[in-house]
Amino acid sequence: MNYLLFIVIGLVTGISIGIIGIGAGILMMPLLIASGVPIHTAVASGLALQLVPQSLPGLLLYHKKGHVNWTISICTIIGSLFGITIGAYLVNNEYVKEKDMYRYLFFILLFSTLYIGLYHL
């Protein structure tokens, strides 16, 4: 197991999260999968990343500048708690198959890339 590679993936992901708020799903997942990590393990690593308060320093810096809307943040956290529970249930009870997980990841990455590339560049 290449621990240094995983530390670098975490560093790159963390920098991306700090700069544009995206990292765990769009960046870390493909990098972990490309390094040979099974998709279930990559998903669990993404969940661990969100669970551990590694985002707290960045959140505090954004808060100091007045960029945090707590109403939006709390509402999305509440929705996310339910959504993550439903999604994890579906995968762990095999209602969503491993091949489908790769397909969903592919289409989400594709459509988000096209949307940003076509409408925001």
PDB file of N, CA and C in Angstrom:
ATOM      1  N   MET A   1       0.853  -1.176   0.000  1.00  0.00           N
ATOM      2  CA  MET A   1       0.000   0.000   0.000  1.00  0.00           C
ATOM      3  C   MET A   1       0.901   1.243   0.000  1.00  0.00           C
ATOM      4  N   ASN A   2       0.620   2.155  -0.903  1.00  0.00           N
ATOM      5  CA  ASN A   2       1.446   3.347  -1.054  1.00  0.00           C
ATOM      6  C   ASN A   2       0.850   4.497  -0.238  1.00  0.00           C
ATOM      7  N   TYR A   3       1.274   4.596   1.009  1.00  0.00           N
ATOM      8  CA  TYR A   3       0.734   5.621   1.909  1.00  0.00           C
ATOM      9  C   TYR A   3       1.058   7.032   1.431  1.00  0.00           C
ATOM     10  N   LEU A   4       2.237   7.218   0.877  1.00  0.00           N
ATOM     11  CA  LEU A   4       2.614   8.541   0.380  1.00  0.00           C
ATOM     12  C   LEU A   4       1.674   8.990  -0.738  1.00  0.00           C
ATOM     13  N   LEU A   5       1.301   8.068  -1.624  1.00  0.00           N
ATOM     14  CA  LEU A   5       0.361   8.387  -2.696  1.00  0.00           C
ATOM     15  C   LEU A   5      -0.972   8.850  -2.117  1.00  0.00           C
ATOM     16  N   PHE A   6      -1.465   8.161  -1.089  1.00  0.00           N
ATOM     17  CA  PHE A   6      -2.743   8.532  -0.479  1.00  0.00           C
ATOM     18  C   PHE A   6      -2.649   9.880   0.245  1.00  0.00           C
ATOM     19  N   ILE A   7      -1.502  10.168   0.828  1.00  0.00           N
ATOM     20  CA  ILE A   7      -1.296  11.480   1.465  1.00  0.00           C
ATOM     21  C   ILE A   7      -1.318  12.576   0.409  1.00  0.00           C
ATOM     22  N   VAL A   8      -0.670  12.324  -0.731  1.00  0.00           N
ATOM     23  CA  VAL A   8      -0.672  13.308  -1.826  1.00  0.00           C
ATOM     24  C   VAL A   8      -2.092  13.503  -2.364  1.00  0.00           C
ATOM     25  N   ILE A   9      -2.846  12.410  -2.527  1.00  0.00           N
ATOM     26  CA  ILE A   9      -4.243  12.524  -2.969  1.00  0.00           C
ATOM     27  C   ILE A   9      -5.032  13.362  -1.974  1.00  0.00           C
ATOM     28  N   GLY A  10      -4.829  13.139  -0.688  1.00  0.00           N
ATOM     29  CA  GLY A  10      -5.503  13.939   0.339  1.00  0.00           C
ATOM     30  C   GLY A  10      -5.094  15.397   0.292  1.00  0.00           C
ATOM     31  N   LEU A  11      -3.816  15.659   0.056  1.00  0.00           N
ATOM     32  CA  LEU A  11      -3.321  17.032  -0.029  1.00  0.00           C
ATOM     33  C   LEU A  11      -3.940  17.759  -1.219  1.00  0.00           C
ATOM     34  N   VAL A  12      -3.917  17.123  -2.376  1.00  0.00           N
ATOM     35  CA  VAL A  12      -4.493  17.724  -3.588  1.00  0.00           C
ATOM     36  C   VAL A  12      -5.991  17.945  -3.397  1.00  0.00           C
ATOM     37  N   THR A  13      -6.668  16.952  -2.837  1.00  0.00           N
ATOM     38  CA  THR A  13      -8.102  17.059  -2.580  1.00  0.00           C
ATOM     39  C   THR A  13      -8.384  18.199  -1.602  1.00  0.00           C
ATOM     40  N   GLY A  14      -7.597  18.283  -0.540  1.00  0.00           N
ATOM     41  CA  GLY A  14      -7.785  19.344   0.449  1.00  0.00           C
ATOM     42  C   GLY A  14      -7.582  20.730  -0.135  1.00  0.00           C
ATOM     43  N   ILE A  15      -6.563  20.891  -0.952  1.00  0.00           N
ATOM     44  CA  ILE A  15      -6.330  22.190  -1.607  1.00  0.00           C
ATOM     45  C   ILE A  15      -7.514  22.538  -2.499  1.00  0.00           C
ATOM     46  N   SER A  16      -8.010  21.545  -3.242  1.00  0.00           N
ATOM     47  CA  SER A  16      -9.157  21.778  -4.113  1.00  0.00           C
ATOM     48  C   SER A  16     -10.399  22.159  -3.308  1.00  0.00           C
ATOM     49  N   ILE A  17     -10.626  21.474  -2.201  1.00  0.00           N
ATOM     50  CA  ILE A  17     -11.771  21.802  -1.354  1.00  0.00           C
ATOM     51  C   ILE A  17     -11.637  23.228  -0.824  1.00  0.00           C
ATOM     52  N   GLY A  18     -10.449  23.608  -0.411  1.00  0.00           N
ATOM     53  CA  GLY A  18     -10.224  24.954   0.111  1.00  0.00           C
ATOM     54  C   GLY A  18     -10.404  26.038  -0.934  1.00  0.00           C
ATOM     55  N   ILE A  19     -10.057  25.743  -2.174  1.00  0.00           N
ATOM     56  CA  ILE A  19     -10.125  26.758  -3.231  1.00  0.00           C
ATOM     57  C   ILE A  19     -11.518  26.821  -3.859  1.00  0.00           C
ATOM     58  N   ILE A  20     -12.075  25.669  -4.265  1.00  0.00           N
ATOM     59  CA  ILE A  20     -13.351  25.701  -4.984  1.00  0.00           C
ATOM     60  C   ILE A  20     -14.443  24.860  -4.331  1.00  0.00           C
ATOM     61  N   GLY A  21     -14.169  24.273  -3.161  1.00  0.00           N
ATOM     62  CA  GLY A  21     -15.189  23.521  -2.447  1.00  0.00           C
ATOM     63  C   GLY A  21     -15.491  22.152  -3.022  1.00  0.00           C
ATOM     64  N   ILE A  22     -14.674  21.686  -3.932  1.00  0.00           N
ATOM     65  CA  ILE A  22     -14.890  20.380  -4.557  1.00  0.00           C
ATOM     66  C   ILE A  22     -13.635  19.545  -4.372  1.00  0.00           C
ATOM     67  N   GLY A  23     -13.836  18.316  -3.971  1.00  0.00           N
ATOM     68  CA  GLY A  23     -12.663  17.475  -3.806  1.00  0.00           C
ATOM     69  C   GLY A  23     -12.993  16.017  -3.597  1.00  0.00           C
ATOM     70  N   ALA A  24     -13.836  15.721  -2.615  1.00  0.00           N
ATOM     71  CA  ALA A  24     -14.067  14.328  -2.244  1.00  0.00           C
ATOM     72  C   ALA A  24     -14.669  13.524  -3.392  1.00  0.00           C
ATOM     73  N   GLY A  25     -15.742  14.008  -3.985  1.00  0.00           N
ATOM     74  CA  GLY A  25     -16.423  13.232  -5.016  1.00  0.00           C
ATOM     75  C   GLY A  25     -15.805  13.353  -6.382  1.00  0.00           C
ATOM     76  N   ILE A  26     -15.509  14.557  -6.779  1.00  0.00           N
ATOM     77  CA  ILE A  26     -15.060  14.783  -8.153  1.00  0.00           C
ATOM     78  C   ILE A  26     -13.565  14.544  -8.316  1.00  0.00           C
ATOM     79  N   LEU A  27     -12.798  14.711  -7.277  1.00  0.00           N
ATOM     80  CA  LEU A  27     -11.351  14.587  -7.402  1.00  0.00           C
ATOM     81  C   LEU A  27     -10.818  13.337  -6.702  1.00  0.00           C
ATOM     82  N   MET A  28     -11.173  13.167  -5.434  1.00  0.00           N
ATOM     83  CA  MET A  28     -10.605  12.067  -4.672  1.00  0.00           C
ATOM     84  C   MET A  28     -11.075  10.704  -5.188  1.00  0.00           C
ATOM     85  N   MET A  29     -12.357  10.583  -5.516  1.00  0.00           N
ATOM     86  CA  MET A  29     -12.877   9.295  -5.990  1.00  0.00           C
ATOM     87  C   MET A  29     -12.114   8.791  -7.219  1.00  0.00           C
ATOM     88  N   PRO A  30     -12.029   9.592  -8.292  1.00  0.00           N
ATOM     89  CA  PRO A  30     -11.290   9.086  -9.458  1.00  0.00           C
ATOM     90  C   PRO A  30      -9.807   8.803  -9.161  1.00  0.00           C
ATOM     91  N   LEU A  31      -9.193   9.626  -8.332  1.00  0.00           N
ATOM     92  CA  LEU A  31      -7.779   9.396  -8.018  1.00  0.00           C
ATOM     93  C   LEU A  31      -7.584   8.107  -7.220  1.00  0.00           C
ATOM     94  N   LEU A  32      -8.447   7.851  -6.261  1.00  0.00           N
ATOM     95  CA  LEU A  32      -8.332   6.604  -5.497  1.00  0.00           C
ATOM     96  C   LEU A  32      -8.595   5.395  -6.384  1.00  0.00           C
ATOM     97  N   ILE A  33      -9.637   5.480  -7.211  1.00  0.00           N
ATOM     98  CA  ILE A  33      -9.958   4.364  -8.099  1.00  0.00           C
ATOM     99  C   ILE A  33      -8.804   4.118  -9.073  1.00  0.00           C
ATOM    100  N   ALA A  34      -8.237   5.189  -9.617  1.00  0.00           N
ATOM    101  CA  ALA A  34      -7.107   5.049 -10.545  1.00  0.00           C
ATOM    102  C   ALA A  34      -5.885   4.439  -9.864  1.00  0.00           C
ATOM    103  N   SER A  35      -5.776   4.625  -8.551  1.00  0.00           N
ATOM    104  CA  SER A  35      -4.634   4.048  -7.835  1.00  0.00           C
ATOM    105  C   SER A  35      -4.914   2.618  -7.360  1.00  0.00           C
ATOM    106  N   GLY A  36      -6.049   2.059  -7.793  1.00  0.00           N
ATOM    107  CA  GLY A  36      -6.330   0.659  -7.498  1.00  0.00           C
ATOM    108  C   GLY A  36      -7.250   0.407  -6.317  1.00  0.00           C
ATOM    109  N   VAL A  37      -7.804   1.446  -5.724  1.00  0.00           N
ATOM    110  CA  VAL A  37      -8.703   1.286  -4.590  1.00  0.00           C
ATOM    111  C   VAL A  37     -10.094   0.891  -5.111  1.00  0.00           C
ATOM    112  N   PRO A  38     -10.725  -0.135  -4.545  1.00  0.00           N
ATOM    113  CA  PRO A  38     -12.082  -0.506  -4.973  1.00  0.00           C
ATOM    114  C   PRO A  38     -13.068   0.641  -4.709  1.00  0.00           C
ATOM    115  N   ILE A  39     -14.114   0.740  -5.528  1.00  0.00           N
ATOM    116  CA  ILE A  39     -15.036   1.864  -5.431  1.00  0.00           C
ATOM    117  C   ILE A  39     -15.715   1.937  -4.062  1.00  0.00           C
ATOM    118  N   HIS A  40     -16.049   0.796  -3.461  1.00  0.00           N
ATOM    119  CA  HIS A  40     -16.673   0.822  -2.140  1.00  0.00           C
ATOM    120  C   HIS A  40     -15.729   1.455  -1.109  1.00  0.00           C
ATOM    121  N   THR A  41     -14.453   1.127  -1.194  1.00  0.00           N
ATOM    122  CA  THR A  41     -13.462   1.690  -0.276  1.00  0.00           C
ATOM    123  C   THR A  41     -13.262   3.171  -0.551  1.00  0.00           C
ATOM    124  N   ALA A  42     -13.285   3.563  -1.819  1.00  0.00           N
ATOM    125  CA  ALA A  42     -13.152   4.980  -2.170  1.00  0.00           C
ATOM    126  C   ALA A  42     -14.333   5.781  -1.631  1.00  0.00           C
ATOM    127  N   VAL A  43     -15.543   5.233  -1.739  1.00  0.00           N
ATOM    128  CA  VAL A  43     -16.730   5.909  -1.198  1.00  0.00           C
ATOM    129  C   VAL A  43     -16.597   6.056   0.312  1.00  0.00           C
ATOM    130  N   ALA A  44     -16.196   4.982   0.980  1.00  0.00           N
ATOM    131  CA  ALA A  44     -16.030   5.035   2.437  1.00  0.00           C
ATOM    132  C   ALA A  44     -14.966   6.060   2.829  1.00  0.00           C
ATOM    133  N   SER A  45     -13.903   6.168   2.043  1.00  0.00           N
ATOM    134  CA  SER A  45     -12.869   7.169   2.322  1.00  0.00           C
ATOM    135  C   SER A  45     -13.421   8.584   2.160  1.00  0.00           C
ATOM    136  N   GLY A  46     -14.260   8.790   1.142  1.00  0.00           N
ATOM    137  CA  GLY A  46     -14.897  10.090   0.953  1.00  0.00           C
ATOM    138  C   GLY A  46     -15.809  10.442   2.117  1.00  0.00           C
ATOM    139  N   LEU A  47     -16.534   9.447   2.621  1.00  0.00           N
ATOM    140  CA  LEU A  47     -17.398   9.680   3.779  1.00  0.00           C
ATOM    141  C   LEU A  47     -16.563   9.998   5.015  1.00  0.00           C
ATOM    142  N   ALA A  48     -15.442   9.300   5.182  1.00  0.00           N
ATOM    143  CA  ALA A  48     -14.559   9.582   6.317  1.00  0.00           C
ATOM    144  C   ALA A  48     -14.002  11.000   6.217  1.00  0.00           C
ATOM    145  N   LEU A  49     -13.680  11.418   5.012  1.00  0.00           N
ATOM    146  CA  LEU A  49     -13.159  12.767   4.794  1.00  0.00           C
ATOM    147  C   LEU A  49     -14.178  13.809   5.230  1.00  0.00           C
ATOM    148  N   GLN A  50     -15.453  13.560   4.955  1.00  0.00           N
ATOM    149  CA  GLN A  50     -16.490  14.509   5.330  1.00  0.00           C
ATOM    150  C   GLN A  50     -16.817  14.433   6.821  1.00  0.00           C
ATOM    151  N   LEU A  51     -16.618  13.274   7.423  1.00  0.00           N
ATOM    152  CA  LEU A  51     -16.920  13.095   8.835  1.00  0.00           C
ATOM    153  C   LEU A  51     -15.894  13.788   9.718  1.00  0.00           C
ATOM    154  N   VAL A  52     -14.642  13.617   9.390  1.00  0.00           N
ATOM    155  CA  VAL A  52     -13.569  14.199  10.188  1.00  0.00           C
ATOM    156  C   VAL A  52     -13.563  15.715   9.948  1.00  0.00           C
ATOM    157  N   PRO A  53     -13.410  16.492  11.001  1.00  0.00           N
ATOM    158  CA  PRO A  53     -13.505  17.956  10.837  1.00  0.00           C
ATOM    159  C   PRO A  53     -12.299  18.576  10.139  1.00  0.00           C
ATOM    160  N   GLN A  54     -11.841  17.956   9.065  1.00  0.00           N
ATOM    161  CA  GLN A  54     -10.714  18.514   8.325  1.00  0.00           C
ATOM    162  C   GLN A  54     -11.105  19.786   7.612  1.00  0.00           C
ATOM    163  N   SER A  55     -12.388  20.010   7.402  1.00  0.00           N
ATOM    164  CA  SER A  55     -12.842  21.228   6.720  1.00  0.00           C
ATOM    165  C   SER A  55     -12.969  22.413   7.658  1.00  0.00           C
ATOM    166  N   LEU A  56     -12.891  22.189   8.949  1.00  0.00           N
ATOM    167  CA  LEU A  56     -13.106  23.255   9.925  1.00  0.00           C
ATOM    168  C   LEU A  56     -12.180  24.455   9.733  1.00  0.00           C
ATOM    169  N   PRO A  57     -10.884  24.267   9.520  1.00  0.00           N
ATOM    170  CA  PRO A  57     -10.026  25.451   9.321  1.00  0.00           C
ATOM    171  C   PRO A  57     -10.446  26.298   8.118  1.00  0.00           C
ATOM    172  N   GLY A  58     -10.777  25.635   7.006  1.00  0.00           N
ATOM    173  CA  GLY A  58     -11.225  26.378   5.829  1.00  0.00           C
ATOM    174  C   GLY A  58     -12.547  27.066   6.073  1.00  0.00           C
ATOM    175  N   LEU A  59     -13.473  26.383   6.741  1.00  0.00           N
ATOM    176  CA  LEU A  59     -14.772  26.972   7.069  1.00  0.00           C
ATOM    177  C   LEU A  59     -14.591  28.222   7.925  1.00  0.00           C
ATOM    178  N   LEU A  60     -13.732  28.153   8.902  1.00  0.00           N
ATOM    179  CA  LEU A  60     -13.499  29.315   9.772  1.00  0.00           C
ATOM    180  C   LEU A  60     -12.924  30.499   9.002  1.00  0.00           C
ATOM    181  N   LEU A  61     -12.023  30.234   8.073  1.00  0.00           N
ATOM    182  CA  LEU A  61     -11.462  31.321   7.260  1.00  0.00           C
ATOM    183  C   LEU A  61     -12.532  31.960   6.375  1.00  0.00           C
ATOM    184  N   TYR A  62     -13.396  31.134   5.773  1.00  0.00           N
ATOM    185  CA  TYR A  62     -14.483  31.673   4.961  1.00  0.00           C
ATOM    186  C   TYR A  62     -15.486  32.425   5.842  1.00  0.00           C
ATOM    187  N   HIS A  63     -15.737  31.914   7.035  1.00  0.00           N
ATOM    188  CA  HIS A  63     -16.657  32.575   7.968  1.00  0.00           C
ATOM    189  C   HIS A  63     -16.140  33.957   8.374  1.00  0.00           C
ATOM    190  N   LYS A  64     -14.853  34.062   8.620  1.00  0.00           N
ATOM    191  CA  LYS A  64     -14.257  35.351   9.010  1.00  0.00           C
ATOM    192  C   LYS A  64     -14.479  36.422   7.950  1.00  0.00           C
ATOM    193  N   LYS A  65     -14.554  36.011   6.697  1.00  0.00           N
ATOM    194  CA  LYS A  65     -14.771  36.959   5.602  1.00  0.00           C
ATOM    195  C   LYS A  65     -16.259  37.139   5.280  1.00  0.00           C
ATOM    196  N   GLY A  66     -17.135  36.486   6.040  1.00  0.00           N
ATOM    197  CA  GLY A  66     -18.566  36.648   5.845  1.00  0.00           C
ATOM    198  C   GLY A  66     -19.154  35.866   4.685  1.00  0.00           C
ATOM    199  N   HIS A  67     -18.481  34.820   4.253  1.00  0.00           N
ATOM    200  CA  HIS A  67     -18.945  34.058   3.094  1.00  0.00           C
ATOM    201  C   HIS A  67     -19.842  32.874   3.446  1.00  0.00           C
ATOM    202  N   VAL A  68     -20.055  32.594   4.725  1.00  0.00           N
ATOM    203  CA  VAL A  68     -20.847  31.432   5.119  1.00  0.00           C
ATOM    204  C   VAL A  68     -22.295  31.855   5.365  1.00  0.00           C
ATOM    205  N   ASN A  69     -23.214  31.239   4.647  1.00  0.00           N
ATOM    206  CA  ASN A  69     -24.637  31.421   4.895  1.00  0.00           C
ATOM    207  C   ASN A  69     -25.075  30.204   5.707  1.00  0.00           C
ATOM    208  N   TRP A  70     -25.254  30.392   7.015  1.00  0.00           N
ATOM    209  CA  TRP A  70     -25.522  29.271   7.898  1.00  0.00           C
ATOM    210  C   TRP A  70     -26.861  28.597   7.607  1.00  0.00           C
ATOM    211  N   THR A  71     -27.833  29.341   7.138  1.00  0.00           N
ATOM    212  CA  THR A  71     -29.127  28.738   6.805  1.00  0.00           C
ATOM    213  C   THR A  71     -28.967  27.742   5.663  1.00  0.00           C
ATOM    214  N   ILE A  72     -28.296  28.164   4.603  1.00  0.00           N
ATOM    215  CA  ILE A  72     -28.053  27.263   3.476  1.00  0.00           C
ATOM    216  C   ILE A  72     -27.215  26.070   3.934  1.00  0.00           C
ATOM    217  N   SER A  73     -26.175  26.330   4.694  1.00  0.00           N
ATOM    218  CA  SER A  73     -25.282  25.259   5.149  1.00  0.00           C
ATOM    219  C   SER A  73     -26.019  24.229   5.990  1.00  0.00           C
ATOM    220  N   ILE A  74     -26.814  24.678   6.953  1.00  0.00           N
ATOM    221  CA  ILE A  74     -27.526  23.750   7.831  1.00  0.00           C
ATOM    222  C   ILE A  74     -28.578  22.964   7.047  1.00  0.00           C
ATOM    223  N   CYS A  75     -29.289  23.637   6.157  1.00  0.00           N
ATOM    224  CA  CYS A  75     -30.293  22.935   5.344  1.00  0.00           C
ATOM    225  C   CYS A  75     -29.649  21.853   4.484  1.00  0.00           C
ATOM    226  N   THR A  76     -28.515  22.148   3.846  1.00  0.00           N
ATOM    227  CA  THR A  76     -27.863  21.143   3.009  1.00  0.00           C
ATOM    228  C   THR A  76     -27.272  20.014   3.857  1.00  0.00           C
ATOM    229  N   ILE A  77     -26.817  20.327   5.062  1.00  0.00           N
ATOM    230  CA  ILE A  77     -26.302  19.282   5.960  1.00  0.00           C
ATOM    231  C   ILE A  77     -27.430  18.328   6.340  1.00  0.00           C
ATOM    232  N   ILE A  78     -28.597  18.875   6.684  1.00  0.00           N
ATOM    233  CA  ILE A  78     -29.743  18.033   7.048  1.00  0.00           C
ATOM    234  C   ILE A  78     -30.131  17.133   5.868  1.00  0.00           C
ATOM    235  N   GLY A  79     -30.261  17.726   4.684  1.00  0.00           N
ATOM    236  CA  GLY A  79     -30.586  16.918   3.502  1.00  0.00           C
ATOM    237  C   GLY A  79     -29.539  15.863   3.226  1.00  0.00           C
ATOM    238  N   SER A  80     -28.282  16.233   3.395  1.00  0.00           N
ATOM    239  CA  SER A  80     -27.179  15.314   3.149  1.00  0.00           C
ATOM    240  C   SER A  80     -27.203  14.131   4.119  1.00  0.00           C
ATOM    241  N   LEU A  81     -27.553  14.380   5.376  1.00  0.00           N
ATOM    242  CA  LEU A  81     -27.633  13.284   6.352  1.00  0.00           C
ATOM    243  C   LEU A  81     -28.620  12.221   5.889  1.00  0.00           C
ATOM    244  N   PHE A  82     -29.776  12.663   5.437  1.00  0.00           N
ATOM    245  CA  PHE A  82     -30.774  11.704   4.939  1.00  0.00           C
ATOM    246  C   PHE A  82     -30.316  11.063   3.635  1.00  0.00           C
ATOM    247  N   GLY A  83     -29.770  11.873   2.721  1.00  0.00           N
ATOM    248  CA  GLY A  83     -29.333  11.355   1.431  1.00  0.00           C
ATOM    249  C   GLY A  83     -28.207  10.347   1.551  1.00  0.00           C
ATOM    250  N   ILE A  84     -27.238  10.618   2.390  1.00  0.00           N
ATOM    251  CA  ILE A  84     -26.124   9.686   2.576  1.00  0.00           C
ATOM    252  C   ILE A  84     -26.624   8.379   3.176  1.00  0.00           C
ATOM    253  N   THR A  85     -27.541   8.469   4.124  1.00  0.00           N
ATOM    254  CA  THR A  85     -28.097   7.260   4.738  1.00  0.00           C
ATOM    255  C   THR A  85     -28.828   6.414   3.703  1.00  0.00           C
ATOM    256  N   ILE A  86     -29.641   7.048   2.880  1.00  0.00           N
ATOM    257  CA  ILE A  86     -30.374   6.319   1.833  1.00  0.00           C
ATOM    258  C   ILE A  86     -29.407   5.719   0.822  1.00  0.00           C
ATOM    259  N   GLY A  87     -28.450   6.513   0.356  1.00  0.00           N
ATOM    260  CA  GLY A  87     -27.483   6.021  -0.626  1.00  0.00           C
ATOM    261  C   GLY A  87     -26.658   4.860  -0.101  1.00  0.00           C
ATOM    262  N   ALA A  88     -26.155   4.974   1.129  1.00  0.00           N
ATOM    263  CA  ALA A  88     -25.359   3.893   1.717  1.00  0.00           C
ATOM    264  C   ALA A  88     -26.205   2.637   1.910  1.00  0.00           C
ATOM    265  N   TYR A  89     -27.455   2.812   2.297  1.00  0.00           N
ATOM    266  CA  TYR A  89     -28.361   1.668   2.441  1.00  0.00           C
ATOM    267  C   TYR A  89     -28.542   0.950   1.104  1.00  0.00           C
ATOM    268  N   LEU A  90     -28.786   1.726   0.046  1.00  0.00           N
ATOM    269  CA  LEU A  90     -29.007   1.133  -1.273  1.00  0.00           C
ATOM    270  C   LEU A  90     -27.791   0.357  -1.767  1.00  0.00           C
ATOM    271  N   VAL A  91     -26.590   0.899  -1.545  1.00  0.00           N
ATOM    272  CA  VAL A  91     -25.370   0.218  -1.989  1.00  0.00           C
ATOM    273  C   VAL A  91     -25.076  -1.001  -1.122  1.00  0.00           C
ATOM    274  N   ASN A  92     -25.154  -0.838   0.192  1.00  0.00           N
ATOM    275  CA  ASN A  92     -24.779  -1.933   1.088  1.00  0.00           C
ATOM    276  C   ASN A  92     -25.791  -3.064   1.114  1.00  0.00           C
ATOM    277  N   ASN A  93     -27.005  -2.827   0.653  1.00  0.00           N
ATOM    278  CA  ASN A  93     -27.992  -3.891   0.513  1.00  0.00           C
ATOM    279  C   ASN A  93     -28.132  -4.333  -0.937  1.00  0.00           C
ATOM    280  N   GLU A  94     -27.198  -3.893  -1.761  1.00  0.00           N
ATOM    281  CA  GLU A  94     -27.033  -4.302  -3.153  1.00  0.00           C
ATOM    282  C   GLU A  94     -28.237  -4.000  -4.046  1.00  0.00           C
ATOM    283  N   TYR A  95     -28.968  -2.938  -3.714  1.00  0.00           N
ATOM    284  CA  TYR A  95     -29.977  -2.422  -4.639  1.00  0.00           C
ATOM    285  C   TYR A  95     -29.281  -1.657  -5.772  1.00  0.00           C
ATOM    286  N   VAL A  96     -28.113  -1.110  -5.471  1.00  0.00           N
ATOM    287  CA  VAL A  96     -27.266  -0.461  -6.467  1.00  0.00           C
ATOM    288  C   VAL A  96     -26.010  -1.320  -6.589  1.00  0.00           C
ATOM    289  N   LYS A  97     -25.766  -1.832  -7.769  1.00  0.00           N
ATOM    290  CA  LYS A  97     -24.628  -2.720  -8.007  1.00  0.00           C
ATOM    291  C   LYS A  97     -23.346  -1.915  -8.227  1.00  0.00           C
ATOM    292  N   GLU A  98     -22.218  -2.594  -8.054  1.00  0.00           N
ATOM    293  CA  GLU A  98     -20.915  -1.940  -8.203  1.00  0.00           C
ATOM    294  C   GLU A  98     -20.754  -1.308  -9.587  1.00  0.00           C
ATOM    295  N   LYS A  99     -21.150  -2.014 -10.622  1.00  0.00           N
ATOM    296  CA  LYS A  99     -21.035  -1.474 -11.986  1.00  0.00           C
ATOM    297  C   LYS A  99     -21.859  -0.195 -12.126  1.00  0.00           C
ATOM    298  N   ASP A 100     -23.031  -0.164 -11.500  1.00  0.00           N
ATOM    299  CA  ASP A 100     -23.867   1.044 -11.533  1.00  0.00           C
ATOM    300  C   ASP A 100     -23.191   2.203 -10.800  1.00  0.00           C
ATOM    301  N   MET A 101     -22.451   1.917  -9.741  1.00  0.00           N
ATOM    302  CA  MET A 101     -21.735   2.968  -9.018  1.00  0.00           C
ATOM    303  C   MET A 101     -20.745   3.669  -9.953  1.00  0.00           C
ATOM    304  N   TYR A 102     -20.023   2.870 -10.737  1.00  0.00           N
ATOM    305  CA  TYR A 102     -19.076   3.443 -11.703  1.00  0.00           C
ATOM    306  C   TYR A 102     -19.813   4.266 -12.762  1.00  0.00           C
ATOM    307  N   ARG A 103     -20.943   3.760 -13.216  1.00  0.00           N
ATOM    308  CA  ARG A 103     -21.731   4.502 -14.214  1.00  0.00           C
ATOM    309  C   ARG A 103     -22.202   5.841 -13.659  1.00  0.00           C
ATOM    310  N   TYR A 104     -22.747   5.842 -12.446  1.00  0.00           N
ATOM    311  CA  TYR A 104     -23.224   7.089 -11.837  1.00  0.00           C
ATOM    312  C   TYR A 104     -22.084   8.081 -11.680  1.00  0.00           C
ATOM    313  N   LEU A 105     -20.935   7.598 -11.219  1.00  0.00           N
ATOM    314  CA  LEU A 105     -19.775   8.472 -11.056  1.00  0.00           C
ATOM    315  C   LEU A 105     -19.365   9.054 -12.406  1.00  0.00           C
ATOM    316  N   PHE A 106     -19.331   8.212 -13.443  1.00  0.00           N
ATOM    317  CA  PHE A 106     -18.958   8.668 -14.780  1.00  0.00           C
ATOM    318  C   PHE A 106     -19.897   9.773 -15.268  1.00  0.00           C
ATOM    319  N   PHE A 107     -21.198   9.539 -15.176  1.00  0.00           N
ATOM    320  CA  PHE A 107     -22.153  10.525 -15.698  1.00  0.00           C
ATOM    321  C   PHE A 107     -22.154  11.814 -14.882  1.00  0.00           C
ATOM    322  N   ILE A 108     -22.006  11.722 -13.581  1.00  0.00           N
ATOM    323  CA  ILE A 108     -21.933  12.932 -12.764  1.00  0.00           C
ATOM    324  C   ILE A 108     -20.697  13.750 -13.133  1.00  0.00           C
ATOM    325  N   LEU A 109     -19.568  13.082 -13.278  1.00  0.00           N
ATOM    326  CA  LEU A 109     -18.346  13.790 -13.665  1.00  0.00           C
ATOM    327  C   LEU A 109     -18.475  14.376 -15.070  1.00  0.00           C
ATOM    328  N   LEU A 110     -19.038  13.611 -15.993  1.00  0.00           N
ATOM    329  CA  LEU A 110     -19.204  14.077 -17.365  1.00  0.00           C
ATOM    330  C   LEU A 110     -20.110  15.300 -17.421  1.00  0.00           C
ATOM    331  N   PHE A 111     -21.287  15.205 -16.815  1.00  0.00           N
ATOM    332  CA  PHE A 111     -22.244  16.311 -16.896  1.00  0.00           C
ATOM    333  C   PHE A 111     -21.765  17.545 -16.143  1.00  0.00           C
ATOM    334  N   SER A 112     -21.107  17.351 -15.006  1.00  0.00           N
ATOM    335  CA  SER A 112     -20.603  18.525 -14.291  1.00  0.00           C
ATOM    336  C   SER A 112     -19.478  19.193 -15.085  1.00  0.00           C
ATOM    337  N   THR A 113     -18.646  18.390 -15.754  1.00  0.00           N
ATOM    338  CA  THR A 113     -17.589  18.956 -16.594  1.00  0.00           C
ATOM    339  C   THR A 113     -18.181  19.723 -17.771  1.00  0.00           C
ATOM    340  N   LEU A 114     -19.159  19.129 -18.437  1.00  0.00           N
ATOM    341  CA  LEU A 114     -19.794  19.814 -19.568  1.00  0.00           C
ATOM    342  C   LEU A 114     -20.495  21.098 -19.130  1.00  0.00           C
ATOM    343  N   TYR A 115     -21.215  21.049 -18.028  1.00  0.00           N
ATOM    344  CA  TYR A 115     -21.929  22.227 -17.543  1.00  0.00           C
ATOM    345  C   TYR A 115     -20.960  23.377 -17.233  1.00  0.00           C
ATOM    346  N   ILE A 116     -19.933  23.061 -16.484  1.00  0.00           N
ATOM    347  CA  ILE A 116     -18.962  24.096 -16.119  1.00  0.00           C
ATOM    348  C   ILE A 116     -18.226  24.585 -17.366  1.00  0.00           C
ATOM    349  N   GLY A 117     -17.821  23.668 -18.229  1.00  0.00           N
ATOM    350  CA  GLY A 117     -17.085  24.039 -19.437  1.00  0.00           C
ATOM    351  C   GLY A 117     -17.894  24.855 -20.408  1.00  0.00           C
ATOM    352  N   LEU A 118     -19.160  24.531 -20.556  1.00  0.00           N
ATOM    353  CA  LEU A 118     -19.994  25.237 -21.534  1.00  0.00           C
ATOM    354  C   LEU A 118     -20.585  26.538 -21.007  1.00  0.00           C
ATOM    355  N   TYR A 119     -20.887  26.614 -19.737  1.00  0.00           N
ATOM    356  CA  TYR A 119     -21.625  27.758 -19.212  1.00  0.00           C
ATOM    357  C   TYR A 119     -20.835  28.694 -18.315  1.00  0.00           C
ATOM    358  N   HIS A 120     -19.646  28.289 -17.903  1.00  0.00           N
ATOM    359  CA  HIS A 120     -18.920  29.123 -16.945  1.00  0.00           C
ATOM    360  C   HIS A 120     -17.486  29.437 -17.344  1.00  0.00           C
ATOM    361  N   LEU A 121     -17.063  29.002 -18.505  1.00  0.00           N
ATOM    362  CA  LEU A 121     -15.686  29.340 -18.931  1.00  0.00           C
ATOM    363  C   LEU A 121     -15.722  30.381 -20.035  1.00  0.00           C
TER     364      LEU A 121
END
